[in-house]
């Protein structure tokens, strides 16, 4: 049975779902997605963990009561507090991976392990010279956004994040359609959540402070920034392990769910026993 509800925090209402029992395993979605991107993971891991996923502020079924400065880290803490979770394993994709890393730095006592997937990273110059073809795609996407052409923006999202700028072909059509629909739902919301408050000092300058088990996952055809961020985190976080998923771009958990679940499951099985549930 899946429990659903809302957590009210700082003039926002965050939608969440909980399935299964055991140690808390929290999935945080990408900036081009909502919590439904984790369907293939919830189905598998709810048999062994208390799986929690939520729509971050401005996404999915979450609601903004009033736009204002807000902290994604405080929002995550509010979800954990409402669900009486003292310590959790955090799995986050892209923007969600950045939230997981930042949260581990701001609230280290609340985190058992982190799995940044194709995650962003602030505080370091990851790619001083972006490849020309990649830069051109981002510029075209920004122009479409400035024009308010959301259908076209969604197509660029699919090209950049699902297909990958380096891959000769495209992602599976089901994955492309899912990414496109999640993006179009996001753009149709018209929900202004306010301005996110960044972690200061940024995570890129503080990776040595992270002292929990860390698995870094990245797609072989992800953006140059995401691949560089994975390298920097792998080098800067003591004991971190990095896995590259071949023939995948920015959402490997959707493109290759069985392989992703196997990699994540092996990492979870390797964690030392915890007395915190």
Foldseek 3Di string as FASTA:
>chain_A
DKDWDWFDDDQKTKIKIWAAADAEAEEEEAPLFFQCLCVLVCVPCNPPHGYMYIGFPLADPMAGRDAAEDASLVVVVRVCVVVVAQAHEYEYFACGLQSQLLNCVVPVRRYQEYEYELYAFPDDDQPPDFDPQLVVLVVVLVVCVVVVVQLVNLVSCQVPFWQFSPDPDGFPPVSSVNSSVRNVVSSVPPGRNYHYDADPPTSLVPLCVRDHEYEYEAEPREGSRSVSVSVSNCVRHPPYHYDYDYPGYRSCCNRPVVVVSVVVVVSVVPRDDDPGD
